[in-house]
């Protein structure tokens, strides 16, 4: 089964790009691919409840994508450094199949992936 890494570093300020990344990750998961979503930079905001309602034009609602990704078995990795710099702690991960990861994890995931997509 092909492995996809979808790296989202875009935050809620650009809802079209952020939700597009999630939609693409979900599409890969629904096709049966092994998917890891790595959120870094402003992308860490996407897990915060305050931003669950964002919706892109033609790219869907963030909360729907995150729920469907979790149900499809996608793994979520969140940059611990990005989260800390933006004032988040472990509470950010609550309700999501997510864990904090460091830059070396992103490198390892990219190296192991068959396809890497960045948004």
PDB file of N, CA and C in Angstrom:
ATOM      1  N   UNK A   1       0.849  -1.175   0.000  1.00  0.00           N
ATOM      2  CA  UNK A   1       0.000   0.000   0.000  1.00  0.00           C
ATOM      3  C   UNK A   1       0.898   1.242   0.000  1.00  0.00           C
ATOM      4  N   UNK A   2       0.718   2.136  -0.948  1.00  0.00           N
ATOM      5  CA  UNK A   2       1.549   3.353  -1.002  1.00  0.00           C
ATOM      6  C   UNK A   2       1.373   4.221   0.245  1.00  0.00           C
ATOM      7  N   UNK A   3       2.477   4.838   0.647  1.00  0.00           N
ATOM      8  CA  UNK A   3       2.481   5.716   1.822  1.00  0.00           C
ATOM      9  C   UNK A   3       2.510   7.173   1.371  1.00  0.00           C
ATOM     10  N   UNK A   4       1.574   7.943   1.890  1.00  0.00           N
ATOM     11  CA  UNK A   4       1.483   9.370   1.612  1.00  0.00           C
ATOM     12  C   UNK A   4       1.798  10.157   2.872  1.00  0.00           C
ATOM     13  N   UNK A   5       2.629  11.167   2.728  1.00  0.00           N
ATOM     14  CA  UNK A   5       2.869  12.150   3.780  1.00  0.00           C
ATOM     15  C   UNK A   5       2.308  13.462   3.256  1.00  0.00           C
ATOM     16  N   UNK A   6       1.364  14.032   3.996  1.00  0.00           N
ATOM     17  CA  UNK A   6       0.812  15.333   3.638  1.00  0.00           C
ATOM     18  C   UNK A   6       1.236  16.300   4.729  1.00  0.00           C
ATOM     19  N   UNK A   7       2.092  17.239   4.351  1.00  0.00           N
ATOM     20  CA  UNK A   7       2.679  18.211   5.275  1.00  0.00           C
ATOM     21  C   UNK A   7       1.943  19.532   5.093  1.00  0.00           C
ATOM     22  N   UNK A   8       1.214  19.937   6.121  1.00  0.00           N
ATOM     23  CA  UNK A   8       0.474  21.199   6.046  1.00  0.00           C
ATOM     24  C   UNK A   8       1.111  22.199   6.995  1.00  0.00           C
ATOM     25  N   UNK A   9       1.592  23.290   6.428  1.00  0.00           N
ATOM     26  CA  UNK A   9       2.190  24.361   7.237  1.00  0.00           C
ATOM     27  C   UNK A   9       1.386  25.646   7.099  1.00  0.00           C
ATOM     28  N   UNK A  10       0.279  25.570   6.384  1.00  0.00           N
ATOM     29  CA  UNK A  10      -0.624  26.704   6.204  1.00  0.00           C
ATOM     30  C   UNK A  10      -1.686  26.665   7.290  1.00  0.00           C
ATOM     31  N   UNK A  11      -1.970  27.811   7.872  1.00  0.00           N
ATOM     32  CA  UNK A  11      -2.949  27.882   8.940  1.00  0.00           C
ATOM     33  C   UNK A  11      -4.297  28.410   8.497  1.00  0.00           C
ATOM     34  N   UNK A  12      -5.140  28.733   9.458  1.00  0.00           N
ATOM     35  CA  UNK A  12      -6.508  29.174   9.169  1.00  0.00           C
ATOM     36  C   UNK A  12      -6.596  30.501   8.416  1.00  0.00           C
ATOM     37  N   UNK A  13      -5.523  31.244   8.325  1.00  0.00           N
ATOM     38  CA  UNK A  13      -5.546  32.498   7.563  1.00  0.00           C
ATOM     39  C   UNK A  13      -5.760  32.231   6.073  1.00  0.00           C
ATOM     40  N   UNK A  14      -5.450  31.032   5.617  1.00  0.00           N
ATOM     41  CA  UNK A  14      -5.678  30.639   4.213  1.00  0.00           C
ATOM     42  C   UNK A  14      -6.515  29.358   4.223  1.00  0.00           C
ATOM     43  N   UNK A  15      -7.823  29.499   4.487  1.00  0.00           N
ATOM     44  CA  UNK A  15      -8.663  28.305   4.632  1.00  0.00           C
ATOM     45  C   UNK A  15      -8.734  27.435   3.383  1.00  0.00           C
ATOM     46  N   UNK A  16      -8.606  28.030   2.210  1.00  0.00           N
ATOM     47  CA  UNK A  16      -8.656  27.220   0.987  1.00  0.00           C
ATOM     48  C   UNK A  16      -7.481  26.260   0.917  1.00  0.00           C
ATOM     49  N   UNK A  17      -6.293  26.764   1.167  1.00  0.00           N
ATOM     50  CA  UNK A  17      -5.096  25.925   1.082  1.00  0.00           C
ATOM     51  C   UNK A  17      -5.056  24.899   2.220  1.00  0.00           C
ATOM     52  N   UNK A  18      -5.419  25.326   3.423  1.00  0.00           N
ATOM     53  CA  UNK A  18      -5.393  24.416   4.577  1.00  0.00           C
ATOM     54  C   UNK A  18      -6.380  23.269   4.401  1.00  0.00           C
ATOM     55  N   UNK A  19      -7.602  23.592   3.969  1.00  0.00           N
ATOM     56  CA  UNK A  19      -8.589  22.524   3.799  1.00  0.00           C
ATOM     57  C   UNK A  19      -8.302  21.686   2.565  1.00  0.00           C
ATOM     58  N   UNK A  20      -7.676  22.272   1.557  1.00  0.00           N
ATOM     59  CA  UNK A  20      -7.288  21.481   0.382  1.00  0.00           C
ATOM     60  C   UNK A  20      -6.299  20.391   0.784  1.00  0.00           C
ATOM     61  N   UNK A  21      -5.324  20.737   1.615  1.00  0.00           N
ATOM     62  CA  UNK A  21      -4.370  19.736   2.088  1.00  0.00           C
ATOM     63  C   UNK A  21      -5.063  18.602   2.817  1.00  0.00           C
ATOM     64  N   UNK A  22      -6.028  18.948   3.655  1.00  0.00           N
ATOM     65  CA  UNK A  22      -6.769  17.916   4.382  1.00  0.00           C
ATOM     66  C   UNK A  22      -7.632  17.081   3.445  1.00  0.00           C
ATOM     67  N   UNK A  23      -8.245  17.740   2.458  1.00  0.00           N
ATOM     68  CA  UNK A  23      -9.074  17.019   1.485  1.00  0.00           C
ATOM     69  C   UNK A  23      -8.238  16.036   0.673  1.00  0.00           C
ATOM     70  N   UNK A  24      -7.065  16.447   0.257  1.00  0.00           N
ATOM     71  CA  UNK A  24      -6.187  15.555  -0.506  1.00  0.00           C
ATOM     72  C   UNK A  24      -5.746  14.371   0.366  1.00  0.00           C
ATOM     73  N   UNK A  25      -5.391  14.648   1.613  1.00  0.00           N
ATOM     74  CA  UNK A  25      -5.010  13.570   2.531  1.00  0.00           C
ATOM     75  C   UNK A  25      -6.170  12.595   2.714  1.00  0.00           C
ATOM     76  N   UNK A  26      -7.366  13.128   2.883  1.00  0.00           N
ATOM     77  CA  UNK A  26      -8.544  12.279   3.050  1.00  0.00           C
ATOM     78  C   UNK A  26      -8.806  11.448   1.800  1.00  0.00           C
ATOM     79  N   UNK A  27      -8.659  12.040   0.643  1.00  0.00           N
ATOM     80  CA  UNK A  27      -8.869  11.316  -0.611  1.00  0.00           C
ATOM     81  C   UNK A  27      -7.901  10.141  -0.717  1.00  0.00           C
ATOM     82  N   UNK A  28      -6.645  10.369  -0.359  1.00  0.00           N
ATOM     83  CA  UNK A  28      -5.659   9.278  -0.374  1.00  0.00           C
ATOM     84  C   UNK A  28      -6.055   8.180   0.610  1.00  0.00           C
ATOM     85  N   UNK A  29      -6.494   8.567   1.805  1.00  0.00           N
ATOM     86  CA  UNK A  29      -6.897   7.577   2.811  1.00  0.00           C
ATOM     87  C   UNK A  29      -8.110   6.777   2.333  1.00  0.00           C
ATOM     88  N   UNK A  30      -9.057   7.456   1.722  1.00  0.00           N
ATOM     89  CA  UNK A  30     -10.260   6.776   1.238  1.00  0.00           C
ATOM     90  C   UNK A  30      -9.958   5.819   0.084  1.00  0.00           C
ATOM     91  N   UNK A  31      -8.860   6.060  -0.617  1.00  0.00           N
ATOM     92  CA  UNK A  31      -8.442   5.147  -1.687  1.00  0.00           C
ATOM     93  C   UNK A  31      -7.633   3.969  -1.132  1.00  0.00           C
ATOM     94  N   UNK A  32      -7.472   3.928   0.200  1.00  0.00           N
ATOM     95  CA  UNK A  32      -6.789   2.815   0.835  1.00  0.00           C
ATOM     96  C   UNK A  32      -5.310   3.006   1.075  1.00  0.00           C
ATOM     97  N   UNK A  33      -4.810   4.203   0.839  1.00  0.00           N
ATOM     98  CA  UNK A  33      -3.389   4.465   1.060  1.00  0.00           C
ATOM     99  C   UNK A  33      -3.096   4.710   2.539  1.00  0.00           C
ATOM    100  N   UNK A  34      -1.888   4.486   2.924  1.00  0.00           N
ATOM    101  CA  UNK A  34      -1.392   4.750   4.274  1.00  0.00           C
ATOM    102  C   UNK A  34      -1.066   6.249   4.328  1.00  0.00           C
ATOM    103  N   UNK A  35      -1.750   7.003   5.197  1.00  0.00           N
ATOM    104  CA  UNK A  35      -1.620   8.460   5.217  1.00  0.00           C
ATOM    105  C   UNK A  35      -1.164   8.958   6.579  1.00  0.00           C
ATOM    106  N   UNK A  36      -0.161   9.829   6.541  1.00  0.00           N
ATOM    107  CA  UNK A  36       0.249  10.576   7.722  1.00  0.00           C
ATOM    108  C   UNK A  36       0.101  12.052   7.401  1.00  0.00           C
ATOM    109  N   UNK A  37      -0.558  12.765   8.284  1.00  0.00           N
ATOM    110  CA  UNK A  37      -0.731  14.213   8.178  1.00  0.00           C
ATOM    111  C   UNK A  37       0.229  14.851   9.163  1.00  0.00           C
ATOM    112  N   UNK A  38       1.143  15.685   8.672  1.00  0.00           N
ATOM    113  CA  UNK A  38       2.098  16.361   9.547  1.00  0.00           C
ATOM    114  C   UNK A  38       1.772  17.850   9.526  1.00  0.00           C
ATOM    115  N   UNK A  39       1.387  18.377  10.686  1.00  0.00           N
ATOM    116  CA  UNK A  39       1.050  19.794  10.818  1.00  0.00           C
ATOM    117  C   UNK A  39       2.218  20.531  11.467  1.00  0.00           C
ATOM    118  N   UNK A  40       2.672  21.588  10.809  1.00  0.00           N
ATOM    119  CA  UNK A  40       3.788  22.378  11.325  1.00  0.00           C
ATOM    120  C   UNK A  40       3.521  23.849  11.034  1.00  0.00           C
ATOM    121  N   UNK A  41       4.354  24.720  11.579  1.00  0.00           N
ATOM    122  CA  UNK A  41       4.164  26.150  11.370  1.00  0.00           C
ATOM    123  C   UNK A  41       2.760  26.537  11.798  1.00  0.00           C
ATOM    124  N   UNK A  42       2.133  27.410  11.020  1.00  0.00           N
ATOM    125  CA  UNK A  42       0.764  27.828  11.352  1.00  0.00           C
ATOM    126  C   UNK A  42      -0.256  26.713  11.177  1.00  0.00           C
ATOM    127  N   UNK A  43       0.145  25.629  10.549  1.00  0.00           N
ATOM    128  CA  UNK A  43      -0.745  24.482  10.396  1.00  0.00           C
ATOM    129  C   UNK A  43      -1.154  23.859  11.726  1.00  0.00           C
ATOM    130  N   UNK A  44      -0.377  24.066  12.784  1.00  0.00           N
ATOM    131  CA  UNK A  44      -0.754  23.497  14.082  1.00  0.00           C
ATOM    132  C   UNK A  44      -2.068  24.088  14.582  1.00  0.00           C
ATOM    133  N   UNK A  45      -2.389  25.308  14.165  1.00  0.00           N
ATOM    134  CA  UNK A  45      -3.652  25.932  14.567  1.00  0.00           C
ATOM    135  C   UNK A  45      -4.862  25.125  14.106  1.00  0.00           C
ATOM    136  N   UNK A  46      -4.697  24.304  13.084  1.00  0.00           N
ATOM    137  CA  UNK A  46      -5.829  23.577  12.520  1.00  0.00           C
ATOM    138  C   UNK A  46      -6.453  22.595  13.501  1.00  0.00           C
ATOM    139  N   UNK A  47      -5.709  22.155  14.497  1.00  0.00           N
ATOM    140  CA  UNK A  47      -6.275  21.247  15.497  1.00  0.00           C
ATOM    141  C   UNK A  47      -6.966  21.978  16.640  1.00  0.00           C
ATOM    142  N   UNK A  48      -6.793  23.282  16.738  1.00  0.00           N
ATOM    143  CA  UNK A  48      -7.399  24.052  17.828  1.00  0.00           C
ATOM    144  C   UNK A  48      -8.907  24.165  17.616  1.00  0.00           C
ATOM    145  N   UNK A  49      -9.702  23.914  18.642  1.00  0.00           N
ATOM    146  CA  UNK A  49     -11.156  23.988  18.504  1.00  0.00           C
ATOM    147  C   UNK A  49     -11.655  25.316  17.928  1.00  0.00           C
ATOM    148  N   UNK A  50     -10.964  26.386  18.188  1.00  0.00           N
ATOM    149  CA  UNK A  50     -11.387  27.700  17.693  1.00  0.00           C
ATOM    150  C   UNK A  50     -11.397  27.774  16.173  1.00  0.00           C
ATOM    151  N   UNK A  51     -10.675  26.877  15.513  1.00  0.00           N
ATOM    152  CA  UNK A  51     -10.571  26.923  14.059  1.00  0.00           C
ATOM    153  C   UNK A  51     -11.291  25.764  13.368  1.00  0.00           C
ATOM    154  N   UNK A  52     -12.000  24.939  14.117  1.00  0.00           N
ATOM    155  CA  UNK A  52     -12.670  23.767  13.551  1.00  0.00           C
ATOM    156  C   UNK A  52     -13.700  24.144  12.489  1.00  0.00           C
ATOM    157  N   UNK A  53     -14.261  25.335  12.561  1.00  0.00           N
ATOM    158  CA  UNK A  53     -15.309  25.741  11.647  1.00  0.00           C
ATOM    159  C   UNK A  53     -14.831  26.313  10.327  1.00  0.00           C
ATOM    160  N   UNK A  54     -13.512  26.388  10.111  1.00  0.00           N
ATOM    161  CA  UNK A  54     -13.077  26.983   8.845  1.00  0.00           C
ATOM    162  C   UNK A  54     -13.487  26.096   7.684  1.00  0.00           C
ATOM    163  N   UNK A  55     -13.758  26.751   6.579  1.00  0.00           N
ATOM    164  CA  UNK A  55     -14.199  26.038   5.390  1.00  0.00           C
ATOM    165  C   UNK A  55     -13.601  26.708   4.164  1.00  0.00           C
ATOM    166  N   UNK A  56     -13.087  25.905   3.280  1.00  0.00           N
ATOM    167  CA  UNK A  56     -12.529  26.429   2.043  1.00  0.00           C
ATOM    168  C   UNK A  56     -13.591  26.503   0.963  1.00  0.00           C
ATOM    169  N   UNK A  57     -13.317  27.281  -0.047  1.00  0.00           N
ATOM    170  CA  UNK A  57     -14.234  27.391  -1.176  1.00  0.00           C
ATOM    171  C   UNK A  57     -14.044  26.182  -2.082  1.00  0.00           C
ATOM    172  N   UNK A  58     -14.976  25.268  -1.994  1.00  0.00           N
ATOM    173  CA  UNK A  58     -14.901  24.058  -2.798  1.00  0.00           C
ATOM    174  C   UNK A  58     -13.985  22.988  -2.232  1.00  0.00           C
ATOM    175  N   UNK A  59     -13.395  23.242  -1.071  1.00  0.00           N
ATOM    176  CA  UNK A  59     -12.474  22.267  -0.482  1.00  0.00           C
ATOM    177  C   UNK A  59     -12.987  21.703   0.838  1.00  0.00           C
ATOM    178  N   UNK A  60     -14.163  22.110   1.261  1.00  0.00           N
ATOM    179  CA  UNK A  60     -14.801  21.498   2.417  1.00  0.00           C
ATOM    180  C   UNK A  60     -14.500  22.125   3.761  1.00  0.00           C
ATOM    181  N   UNK A  61     -15.131  21.530   4.759  1.00  0.00           N
ATOM    182  CA  UNK A  61     -15.037  22.006   6.137  1.00  0.00           C
ATOM    183  C   UNK A  61     -13.923  21.246   6.861  1.00  0.00           C
ATOM    184  N   UNK A  62     -13.066  21.974   7.530  1.00  0.00           N
ATOM    185  CA  UNK A  62     -11.918  21.395   8.227  1.00  0.00           C
ATOM    186  C   UNK A  62     -12.335  20.303   9.201  1.00  0.00           C
ATOM    187  N   UNK A  63     -13.311  20.576  10.053  1.00  0.00           N
ATOM    188  CA  UNK A  63     -13.689  19.589  11.069  1.00  0.00           C
ATOM    189  C   UNK A  63     -14.167  18.282  10.439  1.00  0.00           C
ATOM    190  N   UNK A  64     -14.874  18.374   9.316  1.00  0.00           N
ATOM    191  CA  UNK A  64     -15.328  17.155   8.630  1.00  0.00           C
ATOM    192  C   UNK A  64     -14.132  16.344   8.130  1.00  0.00           C
ATOM    193  N   UNK A  65     -13.158  17.039   7.556  1.00  0.00           N
ATOM    194  CA  UNK A  65     -11.969  16.346   7.038  1.00  0.00           C
ATOM    195  C   UNK A  65     -11.182  15.683   8.165  1.00  0.00           C
ATOM    196  N   UNK A  66     -10.981  16.396   9.263  1.00  0.00           N
ATOM    197  CA  UNK A  66     -10.193  15.835  10.366  1.00  0.00           C
ATOM    198  C   UNK A  66     -10.872  14.603  10.958  1.00  0.00           C
ATOM    199  N   UNK A  67     -12.189  14.686  11.117  1.00  0.00           N
ATOM    200  CA  UNK A  67     -12.938  13.530  11.639  1.00  0.00           C
ATOM    201  C   UNK A  67     -12.835  12.342  10.690  1.00  0.00           C
ATOM    202  N   UNK A  68     -13.033  12.593   9.412  1.00  0.00           N
ATOM    203  CA  UNK A  68     -12.977  11.502   8.425  1.00  0.00           C
ATOM    204  C   UNK A  68     -11.570  10.919   8.322  1.00  0.00           C
ATOM    205  N   UNK A  69     -10.549  11.764   8.425  1.00  0.00           N
ATOM    206  CA  UNK A  69      -9.169  11.258   8.407  1.00  0.00           C
ATOM    207  C   UNK A  69      -8.921  10.330   9.590  1.00  0.00           C
ATOM    208  N   UNK A  70      -9.380  10.730  10.765  1.00  0.00           N
ATOM    209  CA  UNK A  70      -9.211   9.882  11.950  1.00  0.00           C
ATOM    210  C   UNK A  70      -9.939   8.556  11.764  1.00  0.00           C
ATOM    211  N   UNK A  71     -11.164   8.622  11.246  1.00  0.00           N
ATOM    212  CA  UNK A  71     -11.949   7.404  11.026  1.00  0.00           C
ATOM    213  C   UNK A  71     -11.318   6.489   9.980  1.00  0.00           C
ATOM    214  N   UNK A  72     -10.593   7.078   9.040  1.00  0.00           N
ATOM    215  CA  UNK A  72      -9.934   6.299   7.984  1.00  0.00           C
ATOM    216  C   UNK A  72      -8.587   5.735   8.435  1.00  0.00           C
ATOM    217  N   UNK A  73      -8.178   6.058   9.655  1.00  0.00           N
ATOM    218  CA  UNK A  73      -6.933   5.507  10.181  1.00  0.00           C
ATOM    219  C   UNK A  73      -5.689   6.331   9.901  1.00  0.00           C
ATOM    220  N   UNK A  74      -5.864   7.550   9.421  1.00  0.00           N
ATOM    221  CA  UNK A  74      -4.693   8.406   9.187  1.00  0.00           C
ATOM    222  C   UNK A  74      -4.035   8.748  10.523  1.00  0.00           C
ATOM    223  N   UNK A  75      -2.733   8.908  10.473  1.00  0.00           N
ATOM    224  CA  UNK A  75      -1.974   9.317  11.656  1.00  0.00           C
ATOM    225  C   UNK A  75      -1.710  10.813  11.574  1.00  0.00           C
ATOM    226  N   UNK A  76      -1.779  11.485  12.714  1.00  0.00           N
ATOM    227  CA  UNK A  76      -1.526  12.915  12.780  1.00  0.00           C
ATOM    228  C   UNK A  76      -0.247  13.132  13.581  1.00  0.00           C
ATOM    229  N   UNK A  77       0.661  13.889  13.018  1.00  0.00           N
ATOM    230  CA  UNK A  77       1.860  14.321  13.739  1.00  0.00           C
ATOM    231  C   UNK A  77       1.836  15.842  13.739  1.00  0.00           C
ATOM    232  N   UNK A  78       2.183  16.409  14.877  1.00  0.00           N
ATOM    233  CA  UNK A  78       2.124  17.858  15.063  1.00  0.00           C
ATOM    234  C   UNK A  78       3.490  18.325  15.536  1.00  0.00           C
ATOM    235  N   UNK A  79       4.031  19.319  14.871  1.00  0.00           N
ATOM    236  CA  UNK A  79       5.321  19.851  15.284  1.00  0.00           C
ATOM    237  C   UNK A  79       5.233  20.387  16.709  1.00  0.00           C
ATOM    238  N   UNK A  80       5.982  19.761  17.591  1.00  0.00           N
ATOM    239  CA  UNK A  80       6.006  20.214  18.973  1.00  0.00           C
ATOM    240  C   UNK A  80       6.616  21.606  19.103  1.00  0.00           C
ATOM    241  N   UNK A  81       7.611  21.889  18.285  1.00  0.00           N
ATOM    242  CA  UNK A  81       8.248  23.206  18.326  1.00  0.00           C
ATOM    243  C   UNK A  81       7.293  24.293  17.833  1.00  0.00           C
ATOM    244  N   UNK A  82       6.576  24.011  16.747  1.00  0.00           N
ATOM    245  CA  UNK A  82       5.613  24.986  16.223  1.00  0.00           C
ATOM    246  C   UNK A  82       4.475  25.217  17.217  1.00  0.00           C
ATOM    247  N   UNK A  83       4.001  24.127  17.818  1.00  0.00           N
ATOM    248  CA  UNK A  83       2.907  24.245  18.784  1.00  0.00           C
ATOM    249  C   UNK A  83       3.334  25.079  19.991  1.00  0.00           C
ATOM    250  N   UNK A  84       4.495  24.775  20.525  1.00  0.00           N
ATOM    251  CA  UNK A  84       4.986  25.506  21.698  1.00  0.00           C
ATOM    252  C   UNK A  84       5.174  26.988  21.370  1.00  0.00           C
ATOM    253  N   UNK A  85       5.722  27.285  20.204  1.00  0.00           N
ATOM    254  CA  UNK A  85       5.954  28.676  19.807  1.00  0.00           C
ATOM    255  C   UNK A  85       4.644  29.445  19.660  1.00  0.00           C
ATOM    256  N   UNK A  86       3.541  28.726  19.446  1.00  0.00           N
ATOM    257  CA  UNK A  86       2.245  29.366  19.271  1.00  0.00           C
ATOM    258  C   UNK A  86       1.362  29.237  20.507  1.00  0.00           C
ATOM    259  N   UNK A  87       1.962  28.810  21.616  1.00  0.00           N
ATOM    260  CA  UNK A  87       1.269  28.780  22.902  1.00  0.00           C
ATOM    261  C   UNK A  87       0.427  27.557  23.184  1.00  0.00           C
ATOM    262  N   UNK A  88       0.618  26.480  22.438  1.00  0.00           N
ATOM    263  CA  UNK A  88      -0.168  25.264  22.665  1.00  0.00           C
ATOM    264  C   UNK A  88       0.600  24.280  23.532  1.00  0.00           C
ATOM    265  N   UNK A  89      -0.173  23.465  24.251  1.00  0.00           N
ATOM    266  CA  UNK A  89       0.393  22.372  25.027  1.00  0.00           C
ATOM    267  C   UNK A  89      -0.313  21.087  24.612  1.00  0.00           C
ATOM    268  N   UNK A  90      -0.226  20.044  25.425  1.00  0.00           N
ATOM    269  CA  UNK A  90      -0.826  18.738  25.109  1.00  0.00           C
ATOM    270  C   UNK A  90      -2.327  18.825  24.835  1.00  0.00           C
ATOM    271  N   UNK A  91      -2.980  19.840  25.373  1.00  0.00           N
ATOM    272  CA  UNK A  91      -4.409  20.009  25.163  1.00  0.00           C
ATOM    273  C   UNK A  91      -4.779  20.128  23.688  1.00  0.00           C
ATOM    274  N   UNK A  92      -3.856  20.590  22.866  1.00  0.00           N
ATOM    275  CA  UNK A  92      -4.102  20.718  21.431  1.00  0.00           C
ATOM    276  C   UNK A  92      -4.420  19.373  20.789  1.00  0.00           C
ATOM    277  N   UNK A  93      -3.846  18.312  21.336  1.00  0.00           N
ATOM    278  CA  UNK A  93      -3.987  16.980  20.744  1.00  0.00           C
ATOM    279  C   UNK A  93      -5.276  16.273  21.147  1.00  0.00           C
ATOM    280  N   UNK A  94      -5.954  16.775  22.175  1.00  0.00           N
ATOM    281  CA  UNK A  94      -7.149  16.109  22.692  1.00  0.00           C
ATOM    282  C   UNK A  94      -8.219  15.976  21.615  1.00  0.00           C
ATOM    283  N   UNK A  95      -8.766  14.787  21.532  1.00  0.00           N
ATOM    284  CA  UNK A  95      -9.824  14.521  20.576  1.00  0.00           C
ATOM    285  C   UNK A  95      -9.331  14.176  19.186  1.00  0.00           C
ATOM    286  N   UNK A  96      -8.021  14.094  19.009  1.00  0.00           N
ATOM    287  CA  UNK A  96      -7.433  13.767  17.710  1.00  0.00           C
ATOM    288  C   UNK A  96      -6.447  12.611  17.886  1.00  0.00           C
ATOM    289  N   UNK A  97      -6.314  11.752  16.876  1.00  0.00           N
ATOM    290  CA  UNK A  97      -5.306  10.686  16.945  1.00  0.00           C
ATOM    291  C   UNK A  97      -3.938  11.281  16.600  1.00  0.00           C
ATOM    292  N   UNK A  98      -3.470  12.151  17.470  1.00  0.00           N
ATOM    293  CA  UNK A  98      -2.272  12.945  17.161  1.00  0.00           C
ATOM    294  C   UNK A  98      -1.228  12.820  18.258  1.00  0.00           C
ATOM    295  N   UNK A  99       0.008  13.075  17.849  1.00  0.00           N
ATOM    296  CA  UNK A  99       1.100  13.155  18.811  1.00  0.00           C
ATOM    297  C   UNK A  99       2.088  14.204  18.329  1.00  0.00           C
ATOM    298  N   UNK A 100       2.798  14.778  19.288  1.00  0.00           N
ATOM    299  CA  UNK A 100       3.817  15.752  18.937  1.00  0.00           C
ATOM    300  C   UNK A 100       5.020  15.048  18.323  1.00  0.00           C
ATOM    301  N   UNK A 101       5.671  15.725  17.403  1.00  0.00           N
ATOM    302  CA  UNK A 101       6.845  15.177  16.736  1.00  0.00           C
ATOM    303  C   UNK A 101       7.849  16.302  16.503  1.00  0.00           C
ATOM    304  N   UNK A 102       9.077  15.914  16.342  1.00  0.00           N
ATOM    305  CA  UNK A 102      10.159  16.867  16.120  1.00  0.00           C
ATOM    306  C   UNK A 102      10.554  16.850  14.637  1.00  0.00           C
ATOM    307  N   UNK A 103      11.398  17.799  14.217  1.00  0.00           N
ATOM    308  CA  UNK A 103      11.780  17.860  12.799  1.00  0.00           C
ATOM    309  C   UNK A 103      12.360  16.563  12.250  1.00  0.00           C
ATOM    310  N   UNK A 104      13.102  15.828  13.056  1.00  0.00           N
ATOM    311  CA  UNK A 104      13.676  14.577  12.544  1.00  0.00           C
ATOM    312  C   UNK A 104      12.590  13.570  12.174  1.00  0.00           C
ATOM    313  N   UNK A 105      11.441  13.646  12.844  1.00  0.00           N
ATOM    314  CA  UNK A 105      10.327  12.771  12.489  1.00  0.00           C
ATOM    315  C   UNK A 105       9.794  13.124  11.106  1.00  0.00           C
ATOM    316  N   UNK A 106       9.695  14.411  10.822  1.00  0.00           N
ATOM    317  CA  UNK A 106       9.253  14.840   9.491  1.00  0.00           C
ATOM    318  C   UNK A 106      10.204  14.321   8.417  1.00  0.00           C
ATOM    319  N   UNK A 107      11.491  14.410   8.685  1.00  0.00           N
ATOM    320  CA  UNK A 107      12.489  13.916   7.723  1.00  0.00           C
ATOM    321  C   UNK A 107      12.343  12.416   7.539  1.00  0.00           C
ATOM    322  N   UNK A 108      12.194  11.688   8.629  1.00  0.00           N
ATOM    323  CA  UNK A 108      12.038  10.229   8.539  1.00  0.00           C
ATOM    324  C   UNK A 108      10.770   9.851   7.780  1.00  0.00           C
ATOM    325  N   UNK A 109       9.671  10.552   8.063  1.00  0.00           N
ATOM    326  CA  UNK A 109       8.415  10.258   7.362  1.00  0.00           C
ATOM    327  C   UNK A 109       8.532  10.559   5.870  1.00  0.00           C
ATOM    328  N   UNK A 110       9.184  11.664   5.536  1.00  0.00           N
ATOM    329  CA  UNK A 110       9.361  12.017   4.125  1.00  0.00           C
ATOM    330  C   UNK A 110      10.231  10.983   3.413  1.00  0.00           C
ATOM    331  N   UNK A 111      11.255  10.523   4.096  1.00  0.00           N
ATOM    332  CA  UNK A 111      12.156   9.530   3.506  1.00  0.00           C
ATOM    333  C   UNK A 111      11.422   8.214   3.258  1.00  0.00           C
ATOM    334  N   UNK A 112      10.528   7.842   4.171  1.00  0.00           N
ATOM    335  CA  UNK A 112       9.819   6.565   4.055  1.00  0.00           C
ATOM    336  C   UNK A 112       8.609   6.621   3.121  1.00  0.00           C
ATOM    337  N   UNK A 113       8.126   7.825   2.841  1.00  0.00           N
ATOM    338  CA  UNK A 113       6.900   7.966   2.043  1.00  0.00           C
ATOM    339  C   UNK A 113       7.165   7.703   0.561  1.00  0.00           C
ATOM    340  N   UNK A 114       6.141   7.213  -0.099  1.00  0.00           N
ATOM    341  CA  UNK A 114       6.189   7.077  -1.548  1.00  0.00           C
ATOM    342  C   UNK A 114       5.868   8.419  -2.212  1.00  0.00           C
ATOM    343  N   UNK A 115       5.009   9.193  -1.538  1.00  0.00           N
ATOM    344  CA  UNK A 115       4.590  10.493  -2.056  1.00  0.00           C
ATOM    345  C   UNK A 115       4.521  11.490  -0.912  1.00  0.00           C
ATOM    346  N   UNK A 116       5.098  12.677  -1.134  1.00  0.00           N
ATOM    347  CA  UNK A 116       5.034  13.760  -0.150  1.00  0.00           C
ATOM    348  C   UNK A 116       4.360  14.942  -0.827  1.00  0.00           C
ATOM    349  N   UNK A 117       3.325  15.448  -0.180  1.00  0.00           N
ATOM    350  CA  UNK A 117       2.596  16.623  -0.661  1.00  0.00           C
ATOM    351  C   UNK A 117       2.630  17.697   0.411  1.00  0.00           C
ATOM    352  N   UNK A 118       2.833  18.938   0.012  1.00  0.00           N
ATOM    353  CA  UNK A 118       2.943  20.048   0.972  1.00  0.00           C
ATOM    354  C   UNK A 118       1.931  21.135   0.651  1.00  0.00           C
ATOM    355  N   UNK A 119       1.303  21.627   1.695  1.00  0.00           N
ATOM    356  CA  UNK A 119       0.312  22.696   1.558  1.00  0.00           C
ATOM    357  C   UNK A 119       0.569  23.761   2.607  1.00  0.00           C
TER     358      UNK A 119
END
